[in-house]
Amino acid sequence: MLLRLHEDDPRPLHEQVAAAIRRAIAAGESAPGERVPPARDLAAALGINPNTVLRALRQLRDEGLLDFRRGRGIRVAARPEAGELMENVRALVAAAERLGITRAELIEMIEGA
């Protein structure tokens, strides 16, 4: 799992780490059932505190993307695009409808982004 953090990202480090792992899972770098490297290894590779990585891993566990098992380590439980992305799409469509934006107009806005 190759992770990169961006120095110009204003988000807290644990959120950046969680987002990087989420992207790696979504891109297929780690499939459901595969083991995630230990927090110490990830922290060393990223040059950050292991507690920061643990906080990110716990966040992803709470989202249902990772599974923590004693003696088996941390494994990928699911891909984020299935649940989270669809939830965000529904929220976007609902917000557009509240503002009177048609689906066609919304599609044009997305294509222009």
PDB file of N, CA and C in Angstrom:
ATOM      1  N   MET A   1       0.857  -1.175   0.000  1.00  0.00           N
ATOM      2  CA  MET A   1       0.000   0.000   0.000  1.00  0.00           C
ATOM      3  C   MET A   1       0.900   1.234   0.000  1.00  0.00           C
ATOM      4  N   LEU A   2       0.870   1.982  -1.084  1.00  0.00           N
ATOM      5  CA  LEU A   2       1.686   3.183  -1.224  1.00  0.00           C
ATOM      6  C   LEU A   2       0.837   4.397  -0.870  1.00  0.00           C
ATOM      7  N   LEU A   3       1.217   5.099   0.190  1.00  0.00           N
ATOM      8  CA  LEU A   3       0.462   6.261   0.647  1.00  0.00           C
ATOM      9  C   LEU A   3       1.316   7.506   0.524  1.00  0.00           C
ATOM     10  N   ARG A   4       0.655   8.601   0.168  1.00  0.00           N
ATOM     11  CA  ARG A   4       1.333   9.891   0.087  1.00  0.00           C
ATOM     12  C   ARG A   4       0.488  10.946   0.780  1.00  0.00           C
ATOM     13  N   LEU A   5       1.143  11.825   1.515  1.00  0.00           N
ATOM     14  CA  LEU A   5       0.473  12.960   2.137  1.00  0.00           C
ATOM     15  C   LEU A   5       0.964  14.221   1.440  1.00  0.00           C
ATOM     16  N   HIS A   6       0.093  15.206   1.342  1.00  0.00           N
ATOM     17  CA  HIS A   6       0.447  16.453   0.670  1.00  0.00           C
ATOM     18  C   HIS A   6       0.666  17.548   1.716  1.00  0.00           C
ATOM     19  N   GLU A   7       1.798  18.210   1.636  1.00  0.00           N
ATOM     20  CA  GLU A   7       2.140  19.242   2.612  1.00  0.00           C
ATOM     21  C   GLU A   7       1.168  20.419   2.600  1.00  0.00           C
ATOM     22  N   ASP A   8       0.538  20.691   1.459  1.00  0.00           N
ATOM     23  CA  ASP A   8      -0.362  21.833   1.365  1.00  0.00           C
ATOM     24  C   ASP A   8      -1.794  21.494   1.775  1.00  0.00           C
ATOM     25  N   ASP A   9      -2.049  20.262   2.210  1.00  0.00           N
ATOM     26  CA  ASP A   9      -3.384  19.844   2.644  1.00  0.00           C
ATOM     27  C   ASP A   9      -3.643  20.416   4.041  1.00  0.00           C
ATOM     28  N   PRO A  10      -4.710  21.217   4.203  1.00  0.00           N
ATOM     29  CA  PRO A  10      -4.961  21.854   5.498  1.00  0.00           C
ATOM     30  C   PRO A  10      -5.609  20.923   6.539  1.00  0.00           C
ATOM     31  N   ARG A  11      -6.050  19.734   6.134  1.00  0.00           N
ATOM     32  CA  ARG A  11      -6.720  18.824   7.063  1.00  0.00           C
ATOM     33  C   ARG A  11      -5.733  18.271   8.088  1.00  0.00           C
ATOM     34  N   PRO A  12      -6.240  17.880   9.262  1.00  0.00           N
ATOM     35  CA  PRO A  12      -5.366  17.231  10.254  1.00  0.00           C
ATOM     36  C   PRO A  12      -4.735  15.973   9.658  1.00  0.00           C
ATOM     37  N   LEU A  13      -3.564  15.609  10.165  1.00  0.00           N
ATOM     38  CA  LEU A  13      -2.824  14.467   9.610  1.00  0.00           C
ATOM     39  C   LEU A  13      -3.618  13.169   9.642  1.00  0.00           C
ATOM     40  N   HIS A  14      -4.349  12.905  10.734  1.00  0.00           N
ATOM     41  CA  HIS A  14      -5.085  11.642  10.788  1.00  0.00           C
ATOM     42  C   HIS A  14      -6.157  11.566   9.703  1.00  0.00           C
ATOM     43  N   GLU A  15      -6.766  12.700   9.352  1.00  0.00           N
ATOM     44  CA  GLU A  15      -7.750  12.718   8.274  1.00  0.00           C
ATOM     45  C   GLU A  15      -7.074  12.500   6.921  1.00  0.00           C
ATOM     46  N   GLN A  16      -5.889  13.056   6.750  1.00  0.00           N
ATOM     47  CA  GLN A  16      -5.141  12.849   5.509  1.00  0.00           C
ATOM     48  C   GLN A  16      -4.748  11.383   5.349  1.00  0.00           C
ATOM     49  N   VAL A  17      -4.321  10.764   6.449  1.00  0.00           N
ATOM     50  CA  VAL A  17      -3.933   9.348   6.406  1.00  0.00           C
ATOM     51  C   VAL A  17      -5.156   8.497   6.081  1.00  0.00           C
ATOM     52  N   ALA A  18      -6.280   8.773   6.745  1.00  0.00           N
ATOM     53  CA  ALA A  18      -7.506   8.021   6.482  1.00  0.00           C
ATOM     54  C   ALA A  18      -7.920   8.171   5.022  1.00  0.00           C
ATOM     55  N   ALA A  19      -7.839   9.375   4.486  1.00  0.00           N
ATOM     56  CA  ALA A  19      -8.210   9.615   3.088  1.00  0.00           C
ATOM     57  C   ALA A  19      -7.271   8.873   2.139  1.00  0.00           C
ATOM     58  N   ALA A  20      -5.979   8.842   2.463  1.00  0.00           N
ATOM     59  CA  ALA A  20      -5.009   8.148   1.613  1.00  0.00           C
ATOM     60  C   ALA A  20      -5.280   6.645   1.606  1.00  0.00           C
ATOM     61  N   ILE A  21      -5.588   6.078   2.762  1.00  0.00           N
ATOM     62  CA  ILE A  21      -5.904   4.644   2.833  1.00  0.00           C
ATOM     63  C   ILE A  21      -7.210   4.359   2.107  1.00  0.00           C
ATOM     64  N   ARG A  22      -8.187   5.242   2.288  1.00  0.00           N
ATOM     65  CA  ARG A  22      -9.479   5.095   1.599  1.00  0.00           C
ATOM     66  C   ARG A  22      -9.266   5.082   0.085  1.00  0.00           C
ATOM     67  N   ARG A  23      -8.421   6.007  -0.418  1.00  0.00           N
ATOM     68  CA  ARG A  23      -8.132   6.062  -1.855  1.00  0.00           C
ATOM     69  C   ARG A  23      -7.443   4.790  -2.331  1.00  0.00           C
ATOM     70  N   ALA A  24      -6.487   4.292  -1.526  1.00  0.00           N
ATOM     71  CA  ALA A  24      -5.754   3.069  -1.898  1.00  0.00           C
ATOM     72  C   ALA A  24      -6.705   1.883  -1.997  1.00  0.00           C
ATOM     73  N   ILE A  25      -7.646   1.799  -1.081  1.00  0.00           N
ATOM     74  CA  ILE A  25      -8.621   0.701  -1.116  1.00  0.00           C
ATOM     75  C   ILE A  25      -9.533   0.860  -2.328  1.00  0.00           C
ATOM     76  N   ALA A  26     -10.015   2.080  -2.569  1.00  0.00           N
ATOM     77  CA  ALA A  26     -10.901   2.333  -3.706  1.00  0.00           C
ATOM     78  C   ALA A  26     -10.208   2.058  -5.028  1.00  0.00           C
ATOM     79  N   ALA A  27      -8.897   2.320  -5.094  1.00  0.00           N
ATOM     80  CA  ALA A  27      -8.140   2.097  -6.328  1.00  0.00           C
ATOM     81  C   ALA A  27      -7.777   0.633  -6.528  1.00  0.00           C
ATOM     82  N   GLY A  28      -8.092  -0.210  -5.547  1.00  0.00           N
ATOM     83  CA  GLY A  28      -7.821  -1.632  -5.682  1.00  0.00           C
ATOM     84  C   GLY A  28      -6.427  -2.043  -5.260  1.00  0.00           C
ATOM     85  N   GLU A  29      -5.674  -1.132  -4.630  1.00  0.00           N
ATOM     86  CA  GLU A  29      -4.343  -1.480  -4.149  1.00  0.00           C
ATOM     87  C   GLU A  29      -4.417  -2.501  -3.018  1.00  0.00           C
ATOM     88  N   SER A  30      -5.520  -2.484  -2.295  1.00  0.00           N
ATOM     89  CA  SER A  30      -5.771  -3.459  -1.226  1.00  0.00           C
ATOM     90  C   SER A  30      -7.216  -3.931  -1.368  1.00  0.00           C
ATOM     91  N   ALA A  31      -7.381  -5.205  -1.566  1.00  0.00           N
ATOM     92  CA  ALA A  31      -8.714  -5.788  -1.755  1.00  0.00           C
ATOM     93  C   ALA A  31      -9.290  -6.242  -0.418  1.00  0.00           C
ATOM     94  N   PRO A  32     -10.612  -6.373  -0.339  1.00  0.00           N
ATOM     95  CA  PRO A  32     -11.213  -6.898   0.886  1.00  0.00           C
ATOM     96  C   PRO A  32     -10.568  -8.219   1.292  1.00  0.00           C
ATOM     97  N   GLY A  33     -10.231  -8.317   2.577  1.00  0.00           N
ATOM     98  CA  GLY A  33      -9.577  -9.503   3.114  1.00  0.00           C
ATOM     99  C   GLY A  33      -8.070  -9.363   3.225  1.00  0.00           C
ATOM    100  N   GLU A  34      -7.497  -8.423   2.477  1.00  0.00           N
ATOM    101  CA  GLU A  34      -6.044  -8.237   2.535  1.00  0.00           C
ATOM    102  C   GLU A  34      -5.650  -7.521   3.822  1.00  0.00           C
ATOM    103  N   ARG A  35      -4.465  -7.841   4.263  1.00  0.00           N
ATOM    104  CA  ARG A  35      -3.945  -7.252   5.493  1.00  0.00           C
ATOM    105  C   ARG A  35      -3.370  -5.856   5.235  1.00  0.00           C
ATOM    106  N   VAL A  36      -3.624  -4.954   6.167  1.00  0.00           N
ATOM    107  CA  VAL A  36      -3.079  -3.594   6.118  1.00  0.00           C
ATOM    108  C   VAL A  36      -1.764  -3.607   6.898  1.00  0.00           C
ATOM    109  N   PRO A  37      -0.738  -2.930   6.412  1.00  0.00           N
ATOM    110  CA  PRO A  37       0.530  -2.893   7.160  1.00  0.00           C
ATOM    111  C   PRO A  37       0.312  -2.366   8.582  1.00  0.00           C
ATOM    112  N   PRO A  38       1.139  -2.807   9.524  1.00  0.00           N
ATOM    113  CA  PRO A  38       1.017  -2.316  10.901  1.00  0.00           C
ATOM    114  C   PRO A  38       1.162  -0.798  10.971  1.00  0.00           C
ATOM    115  N   ALA A  39       0.520  -0.208  11.969  1.00  0.00           N
ATOM    116  CA  ALA A  39       0.546   1.247  12.143  1.00  0.00           C
ATOM    117  C   ALA A  39       1.977   1.773  12.250  1.00  0.00           C
ATOM    118  N   ARG A  40       2.840   1.044  12.927  1.00  0.00           N
ATOM    119  CA  ARG A  40       4.237   1.490  13.062  1.00  0.00           C
ATOM    120  C   ARG A  40       4.920   1.594  11.704  1.00  0.00           C
ATOM    121  N   ASP A  41       4.664   0.595  10.845  1.00  0.00           N
ATOM    122  CA  ASP A  41       5.280   0.603   9.518  1.00  0.00           C
ATOM    123  C   ASP A  41       4.748   1.759   8.675  1.00  0.00           C
ATOM    124  N   LEU A  42       3.429   1.966   8.718  1.00  0.00           N
ATOM    125  CA  LEU A  42       2.840   3.077   7.964  1.00  0.00           C
ATOM    126  C   LEU A  42       3.379   4.413   8.476  1.00  0.00           C
ATOM    127  N   ALA A  43       3.456   4.545   9.808  1.00  0.00           N
ATOM    128  CA  ALA A  43       3.944   5.790  10.400  1.00  0.00           C
ATOM    129  C   ALA A  43       5.394   6.052   9.992  1.00  0.00           C
ATOM    130  N   ALA A  44       6.214   5.013  10.008  1.00  0.00           N
ATOM    131  CA  ALA A  44       7.621   5.177   9.616  1.00  0.00           C
ATOM    132  C   ALA A  44       7.730   5.583   8.151  1.00  0.00           C
ATOM    133  N   ALA A  45       6.921   4.968   7.290  1.00  0.00           N
ATOM    134  CA  ALA A  45       6.959   5.292   5.867  1.00  0.00           C
ATOM    135  C   ALA A  45       6.507   6.723   5.597  1.00  0.00           C
ATOM    136  N   LEU A  46       5.552   7.209   6.409  1.00  0.00           N
ATOM    137  CA  LEU A  46       5.017   8.552   6.211  1.00  0.00           C
ATOM    138  C   LEU A  46       5.774   9.610   7.023  1.00  0.00           C
ATOM    139  N   GLY A  47       6.601   9.167   7.950  1.00  0.00           N
ATOM    140  CA  GLY A  47       7.350  10.106   8.787  1.00  0.00           C
ATOM    141  C   GLY A  47       6.485  10.818   9.805  1.00  0.00           C
ATOM    142  N   ILE A  48       5.478  10.108  10.343  1.00  0.00           N
ATOM    143  CA  ILE A  48       4.582  10.706  11.334  1.00  0.00           C
ATOM    144  C   ILE A  48       4.473   9.791  12.550  1.00  0.00           C
ATOM    145  N   ASN A  49       3.792  10.256  13.573  1.00  0.00           N
ATOM    146  CA  ASN A  49       3.628   9.526  14.820  1.00  0.00           C
ATOM    147  C   ASN A  49       2.690   8.322  14.621  1.00  0.00           C
ATOM    148  N   PRO A  50       3.037   7.168  15.178  1.00  0.00           N
ATOM    149  CA  PRO A  50       2.167   5.990  15.061  1.00  0.00           C
ATOM    150  C   PRO A  50       0.758   6.215  15.619  1.00  0.00           C
ATOM    151  N   ASN A  51       0.629   7.062  16.648  1.00  0.00           N
ATOM    152  CA  ASN A  51      -0.702   7.337  17.207  1.00  0.00           C
ATOM    153  C   ASN A  51      -1.599   8.044  16.194  1.00  0.00           C
ATOM    154  N   THR A  52      -1.001   8.851  15.338  1.00  0.00           N
ATOM    155  CA  THR A  52      -1.766   9.522  14.283  1.00  0.00           C
ATOM    156  C   THR A  52      -2.312   8.493  13.306  1.00  0.00           C
ATOM    157  N   VAL A  53      -1.487   7.521  12.953  1.00  0.00           N
ATOM    158  CA  VAL A  53      -1.916   6.454  12.043  1.00  0.00           C
ATOM    159  C   VAL A  53      -2.997   5.611  12.713  1.00  0.00           C
ATOM    160  N   LEU A  54      -2.815   5.289  13.987  1.00  0.00           N
ATOM    161  CA  LEU A  54      -3.824   4.502  14.702  1.00  0.00           C
ATOM    162  C   LEU A  54      -5.171   5.218  14.730  1.00  0.00           C
ATOM    163  N   ARG A  55      -5.140   6.525  14.908  1.00  0.00           N
ATOM    164  CA  ARG A  55      -6.389   7.296  14.909  1.00  0.00           C
ATOM    165  C   ARG A  55      -7.089   7.188  13.553  1.00  0.00           C
ATOM    166  N   ALA A  56      -6.316   7.259  12.482  1.00  0.00           N
ATOM    167  CA  ALA A  56      -6.882   7.123  11.132  1.00  0.00           C
ATOM    168  C   ALA A  56      -7.446   5.720  10.924  1.00  0.00           C
ATOM    169  N   LEU A  57      -6.718   4.704  11.376  1.00  0.00           N
ATOM    170  CA  LEU A  57      -7.173   3.324  11.214  1.00  0.00           C
ATOM    171  C   LEU A  57      -8.461   3.084  11.995  1.00  0.00           C
ATOM    172  N   ARG A  58      -8.549   3.638  13.192  1.00  0.00           N
ATOM    173  CA  ARG A  58      -9.783   3.498  13.985  1.00  0.00           C
ATOM    174  C   ARG A  58     -10.962   4.182  13.291  1.00  0.00           C
ATOM    175  N   GLN A  59     -10.699   5.327  12.687  1.00  0.00           N
ATOM    176  CA  GLN A  59     -11.758   6.032  11.958  1.00  0.00           C
ATOM    177  C   GLN A  59     -12.284   5.155  10.819  1.00  0.00           C
ATOM    178  N   LEU A  60     -11.372   4.527  10.084  1.00  0.00           N
ATOM    179  CA  LEU A  60     -11.768   3.666   8.969  1.00  0.00           C
ATOM    180  C   LEU A  60     -12.466   2.406   9.467  1.00  0.00           C
ATOM    181  N   ARG A  61     -12.072   1.922  10.639  1.00  0.00           N
ATOM    182  CA  ARG A  61     -12.779   0.788  11.249  1.00  0.00           C
ATOM    183  C   ARG A  61     -14.217   1.194  11.567  1.00  0.00           C
ATOM    184  N   ASP A  62     -14.385   2.386  12.132  1.00  0.00           N
ATOM    185  CA  ASP A  62     -15.722   2.871  12.485  1.00  0.00           C
ATOM    186  C   ASP A  62     -16.592   3.084  11.255  1.00  0.00           C
ATOM    187  N   GLU A  63     -15.969   3.377  10.123  1.00  0.00           N
ATOM    188  CA  GLU A  63     -16.696   3.537   8.856  1.00  0.00           C
ATOM    189  C   GLU A  63     -17.020   2.189   8.217  1.00  0.00           C
ATOM    190  N   GLY A  64     -16.446   1.117   8.743  1.00  0.00           N
ATOM    191  CA  GLY A  64     -16.693  -0.211   8.194  1.00  0.00           C
ATOM    192  C   GLY A  64     -15.745  -0.617   7.081  1.00  0.00           C
ATOM    193  N   LEU A  65     -14.689   0.154   6.867  1.00  0.00           N
ATOM    194  CA  LEU A  65     -13.742  -0.164   5.796  1.00  0.00           C
ATOM    195  C   LEU A  65     -12.649  -1.126   6.248  1.00  0.00           C
ATOM    196  N   LEU A  66     -12.336  -1.111   7.535  1.00  0.00           N
ATOM    197  CA  LEU A  66     -11.293  -1.982   8.076  1.00  0.00           C
ATOM    198  C   LEU A  66     -11.875  -2.854   9.180  1.00  0.00           C
ATOM    199  N   ASP A  67     -11.249  -4.011   9.353  1.00  0.00           N
ATOM    200  CA  ASP A  67     -11.666  -4.962  10.373  1.00  0.00           C
ATOM    201  C   ASP A  67     -10.462  -5.264  11.257  1.00  0.00           C
ATOM    202  N   PHE A  68     -10.595  -5.035  12.566  1.00  0.00           N
ATOM    203  CA  PHE A  68      -9.522  -5.302  13.514  1.00  0.00           C
ATOM    204  C   PHE A  68      -9.789  -6.647  14.171  1.00  0.00           C
ATOM    205  N   ARG A  69      -8.842  -7.553  14.101  1.00  0.00           N
ATOM    206  CA  ARG A  69      -8.973  -8.868  14.744  1.00  0.00           C
ATOM    207  C   ARG A  69      -7.708  -9.162  15.530  1.00  0.00           C
ATOM    208  N   ARG A  70      -7.881  -9.482  16.791  1.00  0.00           N
ATOM    209  CA  ARG A  70      -6.722  -9.832  17.635  1.00  0.00           C
ATOM    210  C   ARG A  70      -6.033 -11.056  17.049  1.00  0.00           C
ATOM    211  N   GLY A  71      -4.745 -10.948  16.883  1.00  0.00           N
ATOM    212  CA  GLY A  71      -3.950 -12.051  16.359  1.00  0.00           C
ATOM    213  C   GLY A  71      -3.927 -12.147  14.843  1.00  0.00           C
ATOM    214  N   ARG A  72      -4.831 -11.456  14.159  1.00  0.00           N
ATOM    215  CA  ARG A  72      -4.880 -11.488  12.697  1.00  0.00           C
ATOM    216  C   ARG A  72      -4.529 -10.147  12.073  1.00  0.00           C
ATOM    217  N   GLY A  73      -4.407  -9.127  12.899  1.00  0.00           N
ATOM    218  CA  GLY A  73      -4.065  -7.804  12.390  1.00  0.00           C
ATOM    219  C   GLY A  73      -5.266  -7.058  11.850  1.00  0.00           C
ATOM    220  N   ILE A  74      -4.983  -6.074  11.053  1.00  0.00           N
ATOM    221  CA  ILE A  74      -6.021  -5.229  10.462  1.00  0.00           C
ATOM    222  C   ILE A  74      -6.179  -5.635   9.010  1.00  0.00           C
ATOM    223  N   ARG A  75      -7.424  -5.851   8.611  1.00  0.00           N
ATOM    224  CA  ARG A  75      -7.702  -6.268   7.238  1.00  0.00           C
ATOM    225  C   ARG A  75      -8.731  -5.337   6.598  1.00  0.00           C
ATOM    226  N   VAL A  76      -8.674  -5.254   5.280  1.00  0.00           N
ATOM    227  CA  VAL A  76      -9.639  -4.463   4.532  1.00  0.00           C
ATOM    228  C   VAL A  76     -10.968  -5.210   4.579  1.00  0.00           C
ATOM    229  N   ALA A  77     -12.013  -4.522   4.992  1.00  0.00           N
ATOM    230  CA  ALA A  77     -13.333  -5.141   5.107  1.00  0.00           C
ATOM    231  C   ALA A  77     -14.210  -4.855   3.892  1.00  0.00           C
ATOM    232  N   ALA A  78     -14.085  -3.660   3.326  1.00  0.00           N
ATOM    233  CA  ALA A  78     -14.964  -3.260   2.223  1.00  0.00           C
ATOM    234  C   ALA A  78     -14.300  -2.174   1.399  1.00  0.00           C
ATOM    235  N   ARG A  79     -14.883  -1.925   0.254  1.00  0.00           N
ATOM    236  CA  ARG A  79     -14.427  -0.814  -0.593  1.00  0.00           C
ATOM    237  C   ARG A  79     -15.298   0.402  -0.318  1.00  0.00           C
ATOM    238  N   PRO A  80     -14.704   1.586  -0.226  1.00  0.00           N
ATOM    239  CA  PRO A  80     -15.469   2.775   0.138  1.00  0.00           C
ATOM    240  C   PRO A  80     -16.483   3.228  -0.899  1.00  0.00           C
ATOM    241  N   GLU A  81     -16.221   2.968  -2.168  1.00  0.00           N
ATOM    242  CA  GLU A  81     -17.120   3.526  -3.181  1.00  0.00           C
ATOM    243  C   GLU A  81     -18.522   2.949  -3.096  1.00  0.00           C
ATOM    244  N   ALA A  82     -18.654   1.754  -2.587  1.00  0.00           N
ATOM    245  CA  ALA A  82     -19.965   1.115  -2.522  1.00  0.00           C
ATOM    246  C   ALA A  82     -20.927   1.893  -1.641  1.00  0.00           C
ATOM    247  N   GLY A  83     -20.526   2.258  -0.457  1.00  0.00           N
ATOM    248  CA  GLY A  83     -21.435   2.911   0.468  1.00  0.00           C
ATOM    249  C   GLY A  83     -21.281   4.407   0.526  1.00  0.00           C
ATOM    250  N   GLU A  84     -20.085   4.850   0.839  1.00  0.00           N
ATOM    251  CA  GLU A  84     -19.845   6.271   1.075  1.00  0.00           C
ATOM    252  C   GLU A  84     -20.086   7.123  -0.158  1.00  0.00           C
ATOM    253  N   LEU A  85     -19.589   6.694  -1.305  1.00  0.00           N
ATOM    254  CA  LEU A  85     -19.745   7.488  -2.518  1.00  0.00           C
ATOM    255  C   LEU A  85     -21.212   7.603  -2.893  1.00  0.00           C
ATOM    256  N   MET A  86     -21.944   6.496  -2.809  1.00  0.00           N
ATOM    257  CA  MET A  86     -23.362   6.533  -3.160  1.00  0.00           C
ATOM    258  C   MET A  86     -24.127   7.454  -2.212  1.00  0.00           C
ATOM    259  N   GLU A  87     -23.758   7.433  -0.955  1.00  0.00           N
ATOM    260  CA  GLU A  87     -24.387   8.314   0.027  1.00  0.00           C
ATOM    261  C   GLU A  87     -24.131   9.779  -0.334  1.00  0.00           C
ATOM    262  N   ASN A  88     -22.911  10.085  -0.735  1.00  0.00           N
ATOM    263  CA  ASN A  88     -22.567  11.451  -1.128  1.00  0.00           C
ATOM    264  C   ASN A  88     -23.295  11.871  -2.401  1.00  0.00           C
ATOM    265  N   VAL A  89     -23.451  10.952  -3.340  1.00  0.00           N
ATOM    266  CA  VAL A  89     -24.173  11.261  -4.578  1.00  0.00           C
ATOM    267  C   VAL A  89     -25.626  11.589  -4.267  1.00  0.00           C
ATOM    268  N   ARG A  90     -26.241  10.780  -3.415  1.00  0.00           N
ATOM    269  CA  ARG A  90     -27.643  11.043  -3.037  1.00  0.00           C
ATOM    270  C   ARG A  90     -27.787  12.406  -2.371  1.00  0.00           C
ATOM    271  N   ALA A  91     -26.838  12.740  -1.487  1.00  0.00           N
ATOM    272  CA  ALA A  91     -26.880  14.039  -0.811  1.00  0.00           C
ATOM    273  C   ALA A  91     -26.719  15.179  -1.820  1.00  0.00           C
ATOM    274  N   LEU A  92     -25.839  14.995  -2.810  1.00  0.00           N
ATOM    275  CA  LEU A  92     -25.634  16.013  -3.838  1.00  0.00           C
ATOM    276  C   LEU A  92     -26.900  16.210  -4.671  1.00  0.00           C
ATOM    277  N   VAL A  93     -27.521  15.121  -5.076  1.00  0.00           N
ATOM    278  CA  VAL A  93     -28.752  15.205  -5.878  1.00  0.00           C
ATOM    279  C   VAL A  93     -29.857  15.878  -5.064  1.00  0.00           C
ATOM    280  N   ALA A  94     -29.983  15.526  -3.787  1.00  0.00           N
ATOM    281  CA  ALA A  94     -31.007  16.132  -2.933  1.00  0.00           C
ATOM    282  C   ALA A  94     -30.761  17.632  -2.771  1.00  0.00           C
ATOM    283  N   ALA A  95     -29.493  18.014  -2.578  1.00  0.00           N
ATOM    284  CA  ALA A  95     -29.164  19.437  -2.442  1.00  0.00           C
ATOM    285  C   ALA A  95     -29.480  20.188  -3.733  1.00  0.00           C
ATOM    286  N   ALA A  96     -29.166  19.586  -4.866  1.00  0.00           N
ATOM    287  CA  ALA A  96     -29.463  20.220  -6.161  1.00  0.00           C
ATOM    288  C   ALA A  96     -30.964  20.399  -6.330  1.00  0.00           C
ATOM    289  N   GLU A  97     -31.731  19.390  -5.976  1.00  0.00           N
ATOM    290  CA  GLU A  97     -33.193  19.483  -6.098  1.00  0.00           C
ATOM    291  C   GLU A  97     -33.753  20.591  -5.220  1.00  0.00           C
ATOM    292  N   ARG A  98     -33.215  20.737  -4.000  1.00  0.00           N
ATOM    293  CA  ARG A  98     -33.672  21.805  -3.097  1.00  0.00           C
ATOM    294  C   ARG A  98     -33.388  23.183  -3.690  1.00  0.00           C
ATOM    295  N   LEU A  99     -32.309  23.273  -4.468  1.00  0.00           N
ATOM    296  CA  LEU A  99     -31.945  24.548  -5.081  1.00  0.00           C
ATOM    297  C   LEU A  99     -32.603  24.759  -6.436  1.00  0.00           C
ATOM    298  N   GLY A 100     -33.406  23.785  -6.874  1.00  0.00           N
ATOM    299  CA  GLY A 100     -34.085  23.913  -8.156  1.00  0.00           C
ATOM    300  C   GLY A 100     -33.209  23.591  -9.353  1.00  0.00           C
ATOM    301  N   ILE A 101     -32.117  22.893  -9.124  1.00  0.00           N
ATOM    302  CA  ILE A 101     -31.214  22.513 -10.212  1.00  0.00           C
ATOM    303  C   ILE A 101     -31.656  21.157 -10.749  1.00  0.00           C
ATOM    304  N   THR A 102     -31.855  21.087 -12.058  1.00  0.00           N
ATOM    305  CA  THR A 102     -32.279  19.822 -12.658  1.00  0.00           C
ATOM    306  C   THR A 102     -31.108  18.844 -12.710  1.00  0.00           C
ATOM    307  N   ARG A 103     -31.435  17.581 -12.931  1.00  0.00           N
ATOM    308  CA  ARG A 103     -30.371  16.575 -13.045  1.00  0.00           C
ATOM    309  C   ARG A 103     -29.469  16.866 -14.242  1.00  0.00           C
ATOM    310  N   ALA A 104     -30.056  17.332 -15.325  1.00  0.00           N
ATOM    311  CA  ALA A 104     -29.260  17.664 -16.510  1.00  0.00           C
ATOM    312  C   ALA A 104     -28.283  18.803 -16.195  1.00  0.00           C
ATOM    313  N   GLU A 105     -28.767  19.812 -15.469  1.00  0.00           N
ATOM    314  CA  GLU A 105     -27.891  20.920 -15.087  1.00  0.00           C
ATOM    315  C   GLU A 105     -26.786  20.439 -14.135  1.00  0.00           C
ATOM    316  N   LEU A 106     -27.154  19.538 -13.229  1.00  0.00           N
ATOM    317  CA  LEU A 106     -26.167  18.993 -12.295  1.00  0.00           C
ATOM    318  C   LEU A 106     -25.078  18.211 -13.037  1.00  0.00           C
ATOM    319  N   ILE A 107     -25.505  17.439 -14.014  1.00  0.00           N
ATOM    320  CA  ILE A 107     -24.536  16.683 -14.834  1.00  0.00           C
ATOM    321  C   ILE A 107     -23.588  17.629 -15.555  1.00  0.00           C
ATOM    322  N   GLU A 108     -24.125  18.714 -16.096  1.00  0.00           N
ATOM    323  CA  GLU A 108     -23.285  19.699 -16.774  1.00  0.00           C
ATOM    324  C   GLU A 108     -22.273  20.304 -15.796  1.00  0.00           C
ATOM    325  N   MET A 109     -22.731  20.583 -14.569  1.00  0.00           N
ATOM    326  CA  MET A 109     -21.843  21.158 -13.564  1.00  0.00           C
ATOM    327  C   MET A 109     -20.720  20.174 -13.224  1.00  0.00           C
ATOM    328  N   ILE A 110     -21.058  18.898 -13.095  1.00  0.00           N
ATOM    329  CA  ILE A 110     -20.058  17.884 -12.758  1.00  0.00           C
ATOM    330  C   ILE A 110     -19.064  17.730 -13.897  1.00  0.00           C
ATOM    331  N   GLU A 111     -19.555  17.702 -15.116  1.00  0.00           N
ATOM    332  CA  GLU A 111     -18.661  17.549 -16.265  1.00  0.00           C
ATOM    333  C   GLU A 111     -17.728  18.741 -16.423  1.00  0.00           C
ATOM    334  N   GLY A 112     -18.163  19.911 -15.988  1.00  0.00           N
ATOM    335  CA  GLY A 112     -17.352  21.124 -16.081  1.00  0.00           C
ATOM    336  C   GLY A 112     -16.339  21.255 -14.957  1.00  0.00           C
ATOM    337  N   ALA A 113     -16.494  20.436 -13.933  1.00  0.00           N
ATOM    338  CA  ALA A 113     -15.607  20.543 -12.757  1.00  0.00           C
ATOM    339  C   ALA A 113     -14.229  20.002 -13.032  1.00  0.00           C
TER     340      ALA A 113
END
